Amino acid sequence: MRKKEVKNCNSCLMPLNLDLGTSGSHIYCSLCFTEGEFIYKGNDINEFKSLCYKGMRERGINKWLAKFYTFLISFAPRWRKSKLHKNEQ
């Protein structure tokens, strides 16, 4: 069976073709993952969303788009998995 090509970061959902850095991973962008580990090491999705929102605003993304992109983070595989584990406990 063929592996599905990953087009978006599995942590923040940024399109990988827009990533200007190098993460060393084929499923995470350089803003989320570098040198073999996550840049944000916590597991609090709201804190991660806040950091992402601030980063987007600093990069000039308008606030409504930044809010929309931040909302979408909940659907990223990294965070869906952590939600599933919390529900199992």
C-alpha atoms as a PDB file:
ATOM      1  CA  MET A   1       0.000   0.000   0.000  1.00  0.00           C
ATOM      2  CA  ARG A   2       1.256   3.457  -0.887  1.00  0.00           C
ATOM      3  CA  LYS A   3       1.779   6.109   1.786  1.00  0.00           C
ATOM      4  CA  LYS A   4      -0.368   9.199   1.478  1.00  0.00           C
ATOM      5  CA  GLU A   5       1.611  12.345   0.703  1.00  0.00           C
ATOM      6  CA  VAL A   6       1.453  14.843   3.561  1.00  0.00           C
ATOM      7  CA  LYS A   7       0.676  18.348   2.310  1.00  0.00           C
ATOM      8  CA  ASN A   8       0.135  20.199   5.582  1.00  0.00           C
ATOM      9  CA  CYS A   9       2.008  20.280   8.873  1.00  0.00           C
ATOM     10  CA  ASN A  10       0.554  17.682  11.253  1.00  0.00           C
ATOM     11  CA  SER A  11       0.837  20.157  14.129  1.00  0.00           C
ATOM     12  CA  CYS A  12      -0.335  23.555  12.821  1.00  0.00           C
ATOM     13  CA  LEU A  13      -1.750  22.637   9.372  1.00  0.00           C
ATOM     14  CA  MET A  14       0.444  25.153   7.524  1.00  0.00           C
ATOM     15  CA  PRO A  15       0.941  24.029   3.913  1.00  0.00           C
ATOM     16  CA  LEU A  16       4.382  22.421   3.796  1.00  0.00           C
ATOM     17  CA  ASN A  17       5.112  23.964   0.393  1.00  0.00           C
ATOM     18  CA  LEU A  18       5.005  27.404   2.075  1.00  0.00           C
ATOM     19  CA  ASP A  19       7.553  26.448   4.742  1.00  0.00           C
ATOM     20  CA  LEU A  20      10.705  28.485   4.168  1.00  0.00           C
ATOM     21  CA  GLY A  21      12.794  26.584   6.719  1.00  0.00           C
ATOM     22  CA  THR A  22      13.877  22.971   7.049  1.00  0.00           C
ATOM     23  CA  SER A  23      12.412  20.842   9.794  1.00  0.00           C
ATOM     24  CA  GLY A  24      14.056  17.523   9.040  1.00  0.00           C
ATOM     25  CA  SER A  25      10.575  15.985   8.972  1.00  0.00           C
ATOM     26  CA  HIS A  26       8.225  15.242   6.112  1.00  0.00           C
ATOM     27  CA  ILE A  27       5.108  15.772   8.253  1.00  0.00           C
ATOM     28  CA  TYR A  28       5.938  18.878  10.341  1.00  0.00           C
ATOM     29  CA  CYS A  29       6.930  22.423   9.339  1.00  0.00           C
ATOM     30  CA  SER A  30      10.079  24.120  10.575  1.00  0.00           C
ATOM     31  CA  LEU A  31       8.033  26.406  12.837  1.00  0.00           C
ATOM     32  CA  CYS A  32       6.742  23.394  14.793  1.00  0.00           C
ATOM     33  CA  PHE A  33       9.576  20.863  14.553  1.00  0.00           C
ATOM     34  CA  THR A  34      13.343  21.210  14.283  1.00  0.00           C
ATOM     35  CA  GLU A  35      16.402  19.112  15.097  1.00  0.00           C
ATOM     36  CA  GLY A  36      14.284  16.070  15.900  1.00  0.00           C
ATOM     37  CA  GLU A  37      11.901  17.640  18.404  1.00  0.00           C
ATOM     38  CA  PHE A  38       8.893  19.899  18.708  1.00  0.00           C
ATOM     39  CA  ILE A  39       9.568  23.561  19.340  1.00  0.00           C
ATOM     40  CA  TYR A  40       6.446  23.755  21.534  1.00  0.00           C
ATOM     41  CA  LYS A  41       6.984  20.881  23.943  1.00  0.00           C
ATOM     42  CA  GLY A  42       3.771  21.244  25.918  1.00  0.00           C
ATOM     43  CA  ASN A  43       0.477  19.501  25.332  1.00  0.00           C
ATOM     44  CA  ASP A  44      -1.906  22.413  25.964  1.00  0.00           C
ATOM     45  CA  ILE A  45      -3.617  23.085  22.661  1.00  0.00           C
ATOM     46  CA  ASN A  46      -4.927  26.484  23.779  1.00  0.00           C
ATOM     47  CA  GLU A  47      -1.427  27.667  24.661  1.00  0.00           C
ATOM     48  CA  PHE A  48      -0.155  26.368  21.312  1.00  0.00           C
ATOM     49  CA  LYS A  49      -2.983  28.152  19.474  1.00  0.00           C
ATOM     50  CA  SER A  50      -2.154  31.400  21.264  1.00  0.00           C
ATOM     51  CA  LEU A  51       1.507  31.132  20.245  1.00  0.00           C
ATOM     52  CA  CYS A  52       0.530  30.384  16.644  1.00  0.00           C
ATOM     53  CA  TYR A  53      -1.894  33.309  16.520  1.00  0.00           C
ATOM     54  CA  LYS A  54       0.756  35.709  17.825  1.00  0.00           C
ATOM     55  CA  GLY A  55       3.277  34.353  15.318  1.00  0.00           C
ATOM     56  CA  MET A  56       0.879  34.786  12.419  1.00  0.00           C
ATOM     57  CA  ARG A  57       0.057  38.346  13.440  1.00  0.00           C
ATOM     58  CA  GLU A  58       3.786  39.143  13.709  1.00  0.00           C
ATOM     59  CA  ARG A  59       4.214  37.830  10.152  1.00  0.00           C
ATOM     60  CA  GLY A  60       1.505  40.194   8.871  1.00  0.00           C
ATOM     61  CA  ILE A  61      -1.463  37.837   8.525  1.00  0.00           C
ATOM     62  CA  ASN A  62      -4.674  39.783   9.151  1.00  0.00           C
ATOM     63  CA  LYS A  63      -6.440  39.007  12.417  1.00  0.00           C
ATOM     64  CA  TRP A  64      -9.486  37.287  10.874  1.00  0.00           C
ATOM     65  CA  LEU A  65      -7.394  34.877   8.823  1.00  0.00           C
ATOM     66  CA  ALA A  66      -5.142  34.252  11.819  1.00  0.00           C
ATOM     67  CA  LYS A  67      -8.202  33.437  13.954  1.00  0.00           C
ATOM     68  CA  PHE A  68      -9.522  31.074  11.284  1.00  0.00           C
ATOM     69  CA  TYR A  69      -6.178  29.286  10.903  1.00  0.00           C
ATOM     70  CA  THR A  70      -5.893  29.053  14.679  1.00  0.00           C
ATOM     71  CA  PHE A  71      -9.335  27.448  14.871  1.00  0.00           C
ATOM     72  CA  LEU A  72      -8.274  24.820  12.321  1.00  0.00           C
ATOM     73  CA  ILE A  73      -5.344  23.680  14.494  1.00  0.00           C
ATOM     74  CA  SER A  74      -7.782  21.558  16.545  1.00  0.00           C
ATOM     75  CA  PHE A  75      -8.139  19.288  13.513  1.00  0.00           C
ATOM     76  CA  ALA A  76      -4.393  18.677  13.060  1.00  0.00           C
ATOM     77  CA  PRO A  77      -3.330  15.057  13.639  1.00  0.00           C
ATOM     78  CA  ARG A  78      -0.974  15.967  16.501  1.00  0.00           C
ATOM     79  CA  TRP A  79      -3.814  17.473  18.516  1.00  0.00           C
ATOM     80  CA  ARG A  80      -6.536  15.020  17.494  1.00  0.00           C
ATOM     81  CA  LYS A  81      -4.380  12.222  18.891  1.00  0.00           C
ATOM     82  CA  SER A  82      -3.932  13.986  22.233  1.00  0.00           C
ATOM     83  CA  LYS A  83      -7.709  14.576  22.443  1.00  0.00           C
ATOM     84  CA  LEU A  84      -8.338  10.868  21.863  1.00  0.00           C
ATOM     85  CA  HIS A  85      -5.937   9.902  24.646  1.00  0.00           C
ATOM     86  CA  LYS A  86      -7.611  12.323  27.079  1.00  0.00           C
ATOM     87  CA  ASN A  87     -11.017  10.826  26.277  1.00  0.00           C
ATOM     88  CA  GLU A  88      -9.749   7.307  26.994  1.00  0.00           C
ATOM     89  CA  GLN A  89      -8.690   8.181  30.550  1.00  0.00           C
END
